[in-house]
Amino acid sequence: MSKREELRQVEADLERLRAEVASIRDQLTDLGPADAVERSQMINMADEQQALIVGLEARRDTLLRSLDDA
């Protein structure tokens, strides 16, 4: 896979993960106070996906720098 192809894949993954995190956070507002366990699980899932986003952003930045250097 070329660096440009990998960059496109990373961008697509970032877009998908950001949409998923936004959806999870939106769902949190719909949960009632009695759903504390489910709310906690959803927050953890959103936090884990946010960590993946941070890693993908770093990879994207590395790819962009390497393409600029080429």
C-alpha atoms as a PDB file:
ATOM      1  CA  MET A   1       0.000   0.000   0.000  1.00  0.00           C
ATOM      2  CA  SER A   2       1.404   3.374  -0.960  1.00  0.00           C
ATOM      3  CA  LYS A   3       1.633   6.220   1.521  1.00  0.00           C
ATOM      4  CA  ARG A   4      -1.119   8.088  -0.335  1.00  0.00           C
ATOM      5  CA  GLU A   5      -3.410   5.053  -0.152  1.00  0.00           C
ATOM      6  CA  GLU A   6      -2.630   4.629   3.535  1.00  0.00           C
ATOM      7  CA  LEU A   7      -3.349   8.315   4.096  1.00  0.00           C
ATOM      8  CA  ARG A   8      -6.739   7.942   2.387  1.00  0.00           C
ATOM      9  CA  GLN A   9      -7.505   4.917   4.566  1.00  0.00           C
ATOM     10  CA  VAL A  10      -6.473   6.743   7.741  1.00  0.00           C
ATOM     11  CA  GLU A  11      -8.680   9.713   6.772  1.00  0.00           C
ATOM     12  CA  ALA A  12     -11.631   7.377   6.150  1.00  0.00           C
ATOM     13  CA  ASP A  13     -11.060   5.650   9.493  1.00  0.00           C
ATOM     14  CA  LEU A  14     -10.886   9.017  11.257  1.00  0.00           C
ATOM     15  CA  GLU A  15     -14.156  10.121   9.679  1.00  0.00           C
ATOM     16  CA  ARG A  16     -15.883   6.871  10.679  1.00  0.00           C
ATOM     17  CA  LEU A  17     -14.577   6.939  14.254  1.00  0.00           C
ATOM     18  CA  ARG A  18     -15.500  10.592  14.737  1.00  0.00           C
ATOM     19  CA  ALA A  19     -19.048   9.835  13.574  1.00  0.00           C
ATOM     20  CA  GLU A  20     -19.246   6.863  15.941  1.00  0.00           C
ATOM     21  CA  VAL A  21     -18.033   8.929  18.905  1.00  0.00           C
ATOM     22  CA  ALA A  22     -20.541  11.680  18.077  1.00  0.00           C
ATOM     23  CA  SER A  23     -23.323   9.090  17.870  1.00  0.00           C
ATOM     24  CA  ILE A  24     -22.378   7.570  21.213  1.00  0.00           C
ATOM     25  CA  ARG A  25     -22.256  10.977  22.876  1.00  0.00           C
ATOM     26  CA  ASP A  26     -25.667  11.830  21.385  1.00  0.00           C
ATOM     27  CA  GLN A  27     -27.088   8.581  22.755  1.00  0.00           C
ATOM     28  CA  LEU A  28     -25.793   9.484  26.205  1.00  0.00           C
ATOM     29  CA  THR A  29     -28.086  12.498  26.315  1.00  0.00           C
ATOM     30  CA  ASP A  30     -31.068  10.214  25.663  1.00  0.00           C
ATOM     31  CA  LEU A  31     -30.329   7.884  28.577  1.00  0.00           C
ATOM     32  CA  GLY A  32     -32.135   8.441  31.817  1.00  0.00           C
ATOM     33  CA  PRO A  33     -30.456   8.641  35.212  1.00  0.00           C
ATOM     34  CA  ALA A  34     -31.441   5.020  35.980  1.00  0.00           C
ATOM     35  CA  ASP A  35     -29.164   3.768  33.199  1.00  0.00           C
ATOM     36  CA  ALA A  36     -25.914   4.423  35.079  1.00  0.00           C
ATOM     37  CA  VAL A  37     -24.222   1.149  34.099  1.00  0.00           C
ATOM     38  CA  GLU A  38     -25.071   1.538  30.423  1.00  0.00           C
ATOM     39  CA  ARG A  39     -24.015   5.191  30.534  1.00  0.00           C
ATOM     40  CA  SER A  40     -20.664   4.228  32.050  1.00  0.00           C
ATOM     41  CA  GLN A  41     -20.075   1.570  29.383  1.00  0.00           C
ATOM     42  CA  MET A  42     -20.917   4.003  26.607  1.00  0.00           C
ATOM     43  CA  ILE A  43     -18.595   6.649  28.038  1.00  0.00           C
ATOM     44  CA  ASN A  44     -15.788   4.087  28.217  1.00  0.00           C
ATOM     45  CA  MET A  45     -16.432   3.037  24.619  1.00  0.00           C
ATOM     46  CA  ALA A  46     -16.395   6.665  23.438  1.00  0.00           C
ATOM     47  CA  ASP A  47     -13.164   7.298  25.361  1.00  0.00           C
ATOM     48  CA  GLU A  48     -11.520   4.224  23.810  1.00  0.00           C
ATOM     49  CA  GLN A  49     -12.533   5.348  20.331  1.00  0.00           C
ATOM     50  CA  GLN A  50     -11.246   8.839  21.063  1.00  0.00           C
ATOM     51  CA  ALA A  51      -7.883   7.307  21.964  1.00  0.00           C
ATOM     52  CA  LEU A  52      -7.891   5.502  18.604  1.00  0.00           C
ATOM     53  CA  ILE A  53      -8.604   8.830  16.906  1.00  0.00           C
ATOM     54  CA  VAL A  54      -5.594  10.412  18.588  1.00  0.00           C
ATOM     55  CA  GLY A  55      -3.387   7.573  17.354  1.00  0.00           C
ATOM     56  CA  LEU A  56      -4.747   7.818  13.814  1.00  0.00           C
ATOM     57  CA  GLU A  57      -4.243  11.584  13.788  1.00  0.00           C
ATOM     58  CA  ALA A  58      -0.614  11.055  14.728  1.00  0.00           C
ATOM     59  CA  ARG A  59      -0.234   8.494  11.936  1.00  0.00           C
ATOM     60  CA  ARG A  60      -1.896  10.885   9.481  1.00  0.00           C
ATOM     61  CA  ASP A  61       0.492  13.670  10.478  1.00  0.00           C
ATOM     62  CA  THR A  62       3.473  11.339  10.009  1.00  0.00           C
ATOM     63  CA  LEU A  63       2.247  10.349   6.558  1.00  0.00           C
ATOM     64  CA  LEU A  64       1.658  13.955   5.566  1.00  0.00           C
ATOM     65  CA  ARG A  65       5.188  14.934   6.660  1.00  0.00           C
ATOM     66  CA  SER A  66       6.698  12.033   4.745  1.00  0.00           C
ATOM     67  CA  LEU A  67       4.782  13.004   1.610  1.00  0.00           C
ATOM     68  CA  ASP A  68       5.915  16.627   1.969  1.00  0.00           C
ATOM     69  CA  ASP A  69       9.533  15.453   2.272  1.00  0.00           C
ATOM     70  CA  ALA A  70       9.283  13.318  -0.864  1.00  0.00           C
END
